[in-house]
């Protein structure tokens, strides 16, 4: 497997890469991962890995080969290009000395896609690509500085990687048209939804709220995960500012890390209805989610078909209703509506967001019904067993087509 993101990263793509690799290892495969240094979502290298050039370690029965790369604390197109270039250069200069039977690449990393294709060609084996995010579309839609100029180049490299792959998996149906428009035959594109990689809550909800300082009189809206450009989290800051002005008993909580956290904290100066929390540890994460009254997922209005927030699979497990402040025609909106576990409102509209929070607070029966549908949907569609078997089936399909 080639995946820049891997354990101990506990949000984003890392948990999926880790579970896939460990599942394959447990099934009897000699599984190796070419990975970067842990850095997400904080965008700084994790303690214990700083200053290291190359590392080989065993985790969960998997051999992980790590290569040093740049980690930009702030995102621009140029810094992202240097990040990708450093991953590509080090991975190409010092690839793992193994001969695989199949190579599985987790994208959006363009460098990872190039490296995976190169390793597969050298070994004469199939290359399977799972598209978690689309880099070309991300550069175009996310608002990253210089992204317009980078989108065409990133899209061209991405298309070349995908056309050469034996099999392409995409995590949502909304990606299919864009991938086939790149010239990938539809028969080689398979939808492989991500799964819930966290357990449901098991603790005392009231005790968790008390520990976090959340009173029973306030409605707590929680956003958990990466604080990046594409999330457009300014809408939550402005919704909290409105709550201040209207003396609404609403607390909005941003929990996590990311390259936009400092900007958001500066923007939120003086806003009393907004709280920042550090990322919760793995064991506490579902308990904190379940302690909230509403879980929020936000995206810029321009984000349509370049990503699907991995946080949704965790949100659905908690029994809390979801508010999605996202484009109605995008994959995120489709997933929330299909689950029946939440509502979709216009993106970048703090008034609409706060109004929907109040509507749920005023109708606890509706909130409970929406929340109850999340675990049901997760059980039917998002089990890890089903998700991992879909990935295994991709590998079998690629091997059979040699």
Protein backbone atom coordinates (compact mmCIF):
# COMPACT_ATOMS: atom_id res chain seq x y z
CA UNK A 1 0.00 0.00 0.00
CA UNK A 2 1.06 3.55 -0.71
CA UNK A 3 -0.60 6.07 1.60
CA UNK A 4 0.95 9.29 2.84
CA UNK A 5 -1.47 9.19 5.79
CA UNK A 6 -1.29 6.29 8.24
CA UNK A 7 -1.50 5.53 11.96
CA UNK A 8 -0.98 7.05 14.47
CA UNK A 9 -3.03 9.65 12.58
CA UNK A 10 -6.56 9.17 13.91
CA UNK A 11 -8.66 11.36 11.61
CA UNK A 12 -9.06 11.71 7.85
CA UNK A 13 -7.65 9.01 5.55
CA UNK A 14 -5.16 7.57 8.05
CA UNK A 15 -7.60 5.33 9.96
CA UNK A 16 -8.93 3.81 6.72
CA UNK A 17 -5.45 3.09 5.35
CA UNK A 18 -4.50 1.52 8.67
CA UNK A 19 -7.57 -0.68 8.94
CA UNK A 20 -7.20 -1.87 5.34
CA UNK A 21 -3.55 -2.79 5.80
CA UNK A 22 -4.14 -4.51 9.13
CA UNK A 23 -7.12 -6.39 7.68
CA UNK A 24 -4.99 -7.66 4.80
CA UNK A 25 -2.21 -8.65 7.20
CA UNK A 26 -4.69 -10.50 9.43
CA UNK A 27 -5.93 -12.33 6.32
CA UNK A 28 -2.43 -13.73 5.79
CA UNK A 29 -0.94 -11.23 3.34
CA UNK A 30 2.61 -9.97 3.84
CA UNK A 31 1.54 -6.33 3.94
CA UNK A 32 3.85 -3.34 3.55
CA UNK A 33 2.93 0.37 3.58
CA UNK A 34 4.95 3.22 2.09
CA UNK A 35 3.85 6.17 4.24
CA UNK A 36 4.82 9.65 5.27
CA UNK A 37 5.59 10.93 8.73
CA UNK A 38 2.45 11.39 10.89
CA UNK A 39 1.38 15.03 10.58
CA UNK A 40 -2.40 15.29 10.05
CA UNK A 41 -4.57 17.16 10.98
CA UNK A 42 -2.17 19.47 12.87
CA UNK A 43 0.13 19.81 9.83
CA UNK A 44 3.18 19.33 12.01
CA UNK A 45 5.18 16.15 12.42
CA UNK A 46 4.15 14.13 15.46
CA UNK A 47 6.38 13.81 18.49
CA UNK A 48 8.76 10.86 18.14
CA UNK A 49 9.01 11.23 14.36
CA UNK A 50 10.56 14.69 14.14
CA UNK A 51 14.02 14.86 12.64
CA UNK A 52 13.85 11.27 11.41
CA UNK A 53 14.87 10.61 7.81
CA UNK A 54 13.62 7.06 7.26
CA UNK A 55 11.82 4.69 9.61
CA UNK A 56 10.81 1.04 9.31
CA UNK A 57 8.35 -0.08 11.96
CA UNK A 58 5.85 -2.86 12.67
CA UNK A 59 2.29 -1.87 13.55
CA UNK A 60 -0.59 -4.32 13.80
CA UNK A 61 1.19 -6.99 11.77
CA UNK A 62 2.06 -4.50 9.01
CA UNK A 63 5.53 -3.32 7.99
CA UNK A 64 5.45 0.46 7.62
CA UNK A 65 8.18 2.23 5.63
CA UNK A 66 8.17 5.95 6.43
CA UNK A 67 9.95 8.62 4.41
CA UNK A 68 10.58 12.19 5.51
CA UNK A 69 8.85 15.01 3.60
CA UNK A 70 8.04 18.67 4.00
CA UNK A 71 5.01 19.61 6.10
CA UNK A 72 3.63 23.08 5.25
CA UNK A 73 2.01 24.77 8.27
CA UNK A 74 -0.08 26.92 5.92
CA UNK A 75 -1.69 25.79 2.68
CA UNK A 76 -0.98 27.45 -0.65
CA UNK A 77 -0.72 25.81 -4.05
CA UNK A 78 3.06 26.25 -4.04
CA UNK A 79 3.50 24.79 -0.55
CA UNK A 80 1.25 21.86 -1.46
CA UNK A 81 3.34 21.27 -4.60
CA UNK A 82 6.54 21.20 -2.51
CA UNK A 83 4.88 18.78 -0.09
CA UNK A 84 3.95 16.43 -2.94
CA UNK A 85 7.37 16.81 -4.60
CA UNK A 86 9.20 15.87 -1.40
CA UNK A 87 7.04 12.75 -0.96
CA UNK A 88 7.65 11.75 -4.57
CA UNK A 89 11.40 12.39 -4.50
CA UNK A 90 12.10 10.50 -1.27
CA UNK A 91 9.77 7.62 -2.13
CA UNK A 92 11.33 7.23 -5.57
CA UNK A 93 14.89 7.41 -4.24
CA UNK A 94 14.31 4.92 -1.43
CA UNK A 95 11.37 2.61 -2.20
CA UNK A 96 10.74 -0.43 0.02
CA UNK A 97 12.89 -3.34 -1.16
CA UNK A 98 10.06 -5.79 -1.73
CA UNK A 99 8.37 -7.34 -4.77
CA UNK A 100 4.60 -6.98 -4.37
CA UNK A 101 1.84 -9.03 -5.97
CA UNK A 102 -0.43 -5.96 -6.11
CA UNK A 103 -0.07 -2.26 -5.20
CA UNK A 104 -2.93 -0.38 -3.55
CA UNK A 105 -2.70 3.43 -3.47
CA UNK A 106 -4.83 5.75 -1.36
CA UNK A 107 -5.28 9.13 -3.05
CA UNK A 108 -5.61 12.25 -3.01
CA UNK A 109 -1.81 12.39 -2.84
CA UNK A 110 -0.59 12.82 -6.42
CA UNK A 111 2.88 11.76 -5.30
CA UNK A 112 1.43 8.60 -3.79
CA UNK A 113 -0.40 7.85 -7.04
CA UNK A 114 2.77 8.28 -9.09
CA UNK A 115 4.80 6.18 -6.66
CA UNK A 116 2.17 3.44 -6.56
CA UNK A 117 2.01 3.28 -10.34
CA UNK A 118 5.79 3.19 -10.57
CA UNK A 119 6.11 0.36 -8.02
CA UNK A 120 3.40 -1.63 -9.82
CA UNK A 121 5.04 -1.22 -13.25
CA UNK A 122 8.46 -2.21 -11.94
CA UNK A 123 7.02 -5.37 -10.40
CA UNK A 124 4.70 -6.08 -13.35
CA UNK A 125 1.63 -6.21 -11.09
CA UNK A 126 -1.77 -4.48 -11.01
CA UNK A 127 -2.14 -1.01 -9.54
CA UNK A 128 -5.37 -0.40 -7.61
CA UNK A 129 -6.27 3.18 -6.67
CA UNK A 130 -8.84 4.22 -4.06
CA UNK A 131 -9.86 7.86 -4.50
CA UNK A 132 -10.70 9.47 -1.17
CA UNK A 133 -10.41 13.03 -2.50
CA UNK A 134 -9.83 14.43 -5.99
CA UNK A 135 -6.78 16.68 -5.97
CA UNK A 136 -7.52 18.56 -9.20
CA UNK A 137 -11.05 19.33 -8.10
CA UNK A 138 -9.78 20.24 -4.64
CA UNK A 139 -7.40 22.83 -6.05
CA UNK A 140 -10.26 24.23 -8.10
CA UNK A 141 -12.99 24.20 -5.44
CA UNK A 142 -11.36 24.59 -2.03
CA UNK A 143 -10.17 28.21 -2.30
CA UNK A 144 -6.51 27.44 -1.67
CA UNK A 145 -4.30 30.37 -2.71
CA UNK A 146 -2.99 29.80 -6.23
CA UNK A 147 -5.35 26.85 -6.66
CA UNK A 148 -6.76 28.00 -9.98
CA UNK A 149 -3.38 27.75 -11.67
CA UNK A 150 -2.61 24.42 -10.03
CA UNK A 151 -5.95 22.74 -10.80
CA UNK A 152 -5.24 21.98 -14.46
CA UNK A 153 -1.81 20.50 -13.76
CA UNK A 154 -3.01 18.47 -10.78
CA UNK A 155 -6.01 17.24 -12.75
CA UNK A 156 -3.81 16.14 -15.66
CA UNK A 157 -1.47 14.15 -13.39
CA UNK A 158 -4.42 12.66 -11.53
CA UNK A 159 -6.10 11.61 -14.80
CA UNK A 160 -2.93 9.92 -16.01
CA UNK A 161 -2.62 7.94 -12.76
CA UNK A 162 -6.24 6.81 -12.86
CA UNK A 163 -6.23 5.88 -16.56
CA UNK A 164 -3.22 3.62 -16.03
CA UNK A 165 -4.68 1.91 -12.93
CA UNK A 166 -6.09 -1.59 -13.28
CA UNK A 167 -9.04 -0.75 -11.03
CA UNK A 168 -10.25 2.53 -9.50
CA UNK A 169 -12.35 2.72 -6.36
CA UNK A 170 -14.22 5.90 -5.40
CA UNK A 171 -15.75 6.51 -1.98
CA UNK A 172 -18.97 8.04 -3.27
CA UNK A 173 -21.17 7.94 -6.36
CA UNK A 174 -20.68 11.68 -6.86
CA UNK A 175 -17.05 11.02 -7.91
CA UNK A 176 -17.93 8.62 -10.72
CA UNK A 177 -18.75 11.13 -13.46
CA UNK A 178 -15.63 13.19 -12.85
CA UNK A 179 -13.40 10.10 -12.88
CA UNK A 180 -14.92 8.70 -16.07
CA UNK A 181 -14.59 12.17 -17.66
CA UNK A 182 -10.84 11.76 -17.13
CA UNK A 183 -10.90 8.83 -19.53
CA UNK A 184 -11.23 5.95 -17.09
CA UNK A 185 -13.61 3.30 -18.51
CA UNK A 186 -16.76 3.04 -16.37
CA UNK A 187 -16.28 -0.73 -16.05
CA UNK A 188 -13.04 -0.10 -14.12
CA UNK A 189 -14.64 2.30 -11.64
CA UNK A 190 -16.13 0.80 -8.47
CA UNK A 191 -17.93 2.60 -5.63
CA UNK A 192 -16.34 1.57 -2.31
CA UNK A 193 -17.89 3.67 0.49
CA UNK A 194 -15.87 4.34 3.60
CA UNK A 195 -17.08 2.76 6.82
CA UNK A 196 -17.46 3.73 10.45
CA UNK A 197 -14.04 3.31 12.06
CA UNK A 198 -15.08 4.29 15.60
CA UNK A 199 -17.25 2.49 18.13
CA UNK A 200 -20.55 3.92 19.26
CA UNK A 201 -20.67 5.83 22.56
CA UNK A 202 -20.84 3.74 25.72
CA UNK A 203 -20.34 6.21 28.57
CA UNK A 204 -22.52 8.52 30.63
CA UNK A 205 -23.58 11.40 28.38
CA UNK A 206 -24.48 13.73 31.25
CA UNK A 207 -21.16 13.10 32.94
CA UNK A 208 -19.28 13.88 29.72
CA UNK A 209 -21.21 17.14 29.31
CA UNK A 210 -20.44 18.12 32.88
CA UNK A 211 -16.75 17.33 32.38
CA UNK A 212 -16.68 19.54 29.29
CA UNK A 213 -18.56 22.37 31.02
CA UNK A 214 -21.68 22.11 28.86
CA UNK A 215 -24.88 22.91 30.75
CA UNK A 216 -28.25 21.29 30.16
CA UNK A 217 -29.75 24.71 29.37
CA UNK A 218 -27.63 25.27 26.24
CA UNK A 219 -27.79 23.60 22.84
CA UNK A 220 -24.30 22.39 21.93
CA UNK A 221 -23.35 22.29 18.24
CA UNK A 222 -20.12 20.40 17.64
CA UNK A 223 -17.84 20.29 14.61
CA UNK A 224 -15.12 17.64 14.99
CA UNK A 225 -12.13 17.09 12.72
CA UNK A 226 -9.85 18.97 10.40
CA UNK A 227 -9.94 22.76 10.35
CA UNK A 228 -8.92 23.40 6.76
CA UNK A 229 -9.86 25.67 3.90
CA UNK A 230 -12.49 23.49 2.25
CA UNK A 231 -14.51 23.19 5.50
CA UNK A 232 -15.40 26.89 5.42
CA UNK A 233 -15.67 26.95 9.21
CA UNK A 234 -16.12 30.71 9.24
CA UNK A 235 -19.86 29.99 8.97
CA UNK A 236 -19.79 28.49 12.48
CA UNK A 237 -17.85 31.44 13.86
CA UNK A 238 -20.43 33.84 12.43
CA UNK A 239 -23.34 31.69 13.67
CA UNK A 240 -21.82 31.91 17.17
CA UNK A 241 -21.50 35.68 16.78
CA UNK A 242 -25.21 35.84 15.93
CA UNK A 243 -26.00 33.68 18.96
CA UNK A 244 -24.12 36.21 21.11
CA UNK A 245 -26.16 39.09 19.72
CA UNK A 246 -29.47 37.31 20.23
CA UNK A 247 -28.59 35.87 23.63
CA UNK A 248 -29.49 32.44 22.27
CA UNK A 249 -28.61 29.55 24.62
CA UNK A 250 -26.35 28.01 21.95
CA UNK A 251 -22.73 26.93 22.30
CA UNK A 252 -20.78 26.14 19.13
CA UNK A 253 -17.69 23.96 19.61
CA UNK A 254 -14.84 23.48 17.15
CA UNK A 255 -12.88 20.39 18.17
CA UNK A 256 -9.74 19.37 16.32
CA UNK A 257 -6.77 20.91 14.61
CA UNK A 258 -5.69 22.08 11.20
CA UNK A 259 -3.99 24.83 9.26
CA UNK A 260 -6.96 27.21 9.70
CA UNK A 261 -7.29 26.88 13.49
CA UNK A 262 -5.21 29.97 14.32
CA UNK A 263 -7.13 32.03 11.74
CA UNK A 264 -10.47 30.88 13.17
CA UNK A 265 -9.38 31.65 16.73
CA UNK A 266 -8.39 35.15 15.67
CA UNK A 267 -11.69 35.61 13.82
CA UNK A 268 -13.61 34.42 16.89
CA UNK A 269 -11.97 36.88 19.30
CA UNK A 270 -14.65 38.18 21.66
CA UNK A 271 -17.30 35.64 20.58
CA UNK A 272 -18.51 34.05 23.82
CA UNK A 273 -20.76 31.40 22.22
CA UNK A 274 -17.80 29.70 20.54
CA UNK A 275 -15.41 27.24 22.18
CA UNK A 276 -12.30 25.52 20.80
CA UNK A 277 -11.25 22.07 21.97
CA UNK A 278 -8.16 20.04 21.11
CA UNK A 279 -8.66 16.72 19.31
CA UNK A 280 -10.15 14.06 21.58
CA UNK A 281 -8.25 10.84 22.00
CA UNK A 282 -9.56 7.73 20.27
CA UNK A 283 -11.38 6.33 23.29
CA UNK A 284 -13.04 9.64 24.23
CA UNK A 285 -13.94 10.75 20.70
CA UNK A 286 -17.36 9.00 20.40
CA UNK A 287 -18.29 10.09 23.93
CA UNK A 288 -17.66 13.76 23.11
CA UNK A 289 -19.62 13.51 19.86
CA UNK A 290 -22.58 11.93 21.64
CA UNK A 291 -22.49 14.58 24.38
CA UNK A 292 -23.34 17.30 21.84
CA UNK A 293 -26.92 18.07 20.81
CA UNK A 294 -26.17 18.63 17.13
CA UNK A 295 -23.20 17.64 14.94
CA UNK A 296 -22.19 20.01 12.16
CA UNK A 297 -20.49 19.36 8.85
CA UNK A 298 -19.63 22.42 6.78
CA UNK A 299 -18.09 23.06 3.38
CA UNK A 300 -17.52 26.06 1.19
CA UNK A 301 -20.24 26.57 -1.41
CA UNK A 302 -17.75 25.77 -4.17
CA UNK A 303 -17.04 22.25 -2.85
CA UNK A 304 -19.13 19.81 -4.90
CA UNK A 305 -17.44 16.59 -5.99
CA UNK A 306 -13.88 16.66 -4.71
CA UNK A 307 -14.29 15.06 -1.28
CA UNK A 308 -16.63 13.40 1.18
CA UNK A 309 -15.98 14.25 4.85
CA UNK A 310 -14.81 11.15 6.68
CA UNK A 311 -16.34 12.58 9.88
CA UNK A 312 -19.82 11.63 8.65
CA UNK A 313 -19.23 7.93 9.30
CA UNK A 314 -18.36 8.76 12.92
CA UNK A 315 -21.22 11.23 13.30
CA UNK A 316 -23.80 8.63 12.25
CA UNK A 317 -22.74 6.30 15.08
CA UNK A 318 -23.57 8.75 17.85
CA UNK A 319 -27.36 9.03 17.69
CA UNK A 320 -27.12 12.83 17.32
CA UNK A 321 -28.78 14.77 14.45
CA UNK A 322 -26.49 16.22 11.77
CA UNK A 323 -26.71 19.66 10.18
CA UNK A 324 -24.90 19.84 6.84
CA UNK A 325 -24.08 23.37 5.69
CA UNK A 326 -23.04 22.26 2.21
CA UNK A 327 -23.94 22.59 -1.47
CA UNK A 328 -27.20 20.74 -2.11
CA UNK A 329 -25.88 19.13 -5.30
CA UNK A 330 -22.71 17.74 -3.73
CA UNK A 331 -21.90 14.28 -2.44
CA UNK A 332 -21.96 15.32 1.23
CA UNK A 333 -25.56 16.52 0.96
CA UNK A 334 -26.52 13.32 -0.85
CA UNK A 335 -25.03 11.19 1.91
CA UNK A 336 -26.73 13.09 4.74
CA UNK A 337 -30.11 12.96 3.01
CA UNK A 338 -29.74 9.28 2.14
CA UNK A 339 -28.96 8.47 5.78
CA UNK A 340 -32.07 10.32 6.97
CA UNK A 341 -30.00 11.38 9.97
CA UNK A 342 -29.89 15.11 9.40
CA UNK A 343 -30.82 18.17 7.42
CA UNK A 344 -29.07 20.08 4.63
CA UNK A 345 -29.00 23.87 4.62
CA UNK A 346 -27.39 26.44 2.33
CA UNK A 347 -23.60 26.68 2.72
CA UNK A 348 -21.89 29.78 4.11
CA UNK A 349 -25.18 31.03 5.61
CA UNK A 350 -24.80 31.51 9.38
CA UNK A 351 -28.39 32.75 9.81
CA UNK A 352 -29.78 29.58 8.21
CA UNK A 353 -27.47 27.42 10.31
CA UNK A 354 -28.48 29.06 13.59
CA UNK A 355 -32.16 28.88 12.59
CA UNK A 356 -31.88 25.13 11.99
CA UNK A 357 -30.13 24.66 15.34
CA UNK A 358 -33.01 26.49 17.05
CA UNK A 359 -35.58 24.43 15.11
CA UNK A 360 -34.03 21.19 16.35
CA UNK A 361 -33.80 22.51 19.91
CA UNK A 362 -37.50 23.49 19.80
CA UNK A 363 -38.54 20.07 18.45
CA UNK A 364 -36.71 17.41 20.49
CA UNK A 365 -38.88 14.68 19.01
CA UNK A 366 -37.65 15.49 15.49
CA UNK A 367 -34.07 15.74 16.73
CA UNK A 368 -34.36 12.31 18.35
CA UNK A 369 -35.84 10.75 15.21
CA UNK A 370 -33.06 12.13 13.02
CA UNK A 371 -30.40 11.04 15.47
CA UNK A 372 -31.78 7.50 15.73
CA UNK A 373 -31.48 6.98 11.98
CA UNK A 374 -27.71 7.46 12.02
CA UNK A 375 -26.76 4.22 13.79
CA UNK A 376 -29.33 2.34 11.69
CA UNK A 377 -27.77 3.66 8.49
CA UNK A 378 -24.27 2.89 9.74
CA UNK A 379 -25.24 -0.70 10.53
CA UNK A 380 -26.86 -1.23 7.14
CA UNK A 381 -24.23 0.42 4.94
CA UNK A 382 -21.15 1.46 6.88
CA UNK A 383 -19.94 -1.59 8.79
CA UNK A 384 -16.17 -2.13 8.76
CA UNK A 385 -16.66 -5.75 7.71
CA UNK A 386 -18.55 -4.73 4.57
CA UNK A 387 -16.15 -1.86 3.82
CA UNK A 388 -13.02 -3.97 4.14
CA UNK A 389 -14.53 -6.72 2.03
CA UNK A 390 -15.24 -4.19 -0.74
CA UNK A 391 -11.54 -3.26 -0.76
CA UNK A 392 -10.52 -6.93 -0.80
CA UNK A 393 -12.88 -7.47 -3.73
CA UNK A 394 -11.14 -4.63 -5.62
CA UNK A 395 -7.81 -6.41 -5.19
CA UNK A 396 -9.30 -9.71 -6.37
CA UNK A 397 -10.79 -7.98 -9.42
CA UNK A 398 -7.42 -6.44 -10.30
CA UNK A 399 -5.61 -9.74 -9.88
CA UNK A 400 -8.17 -11.60 -11.98
CA UNK A 401 -7.82 -9.08 -14.79
CA UNK A 402 -4.06 -9.48 -15.21
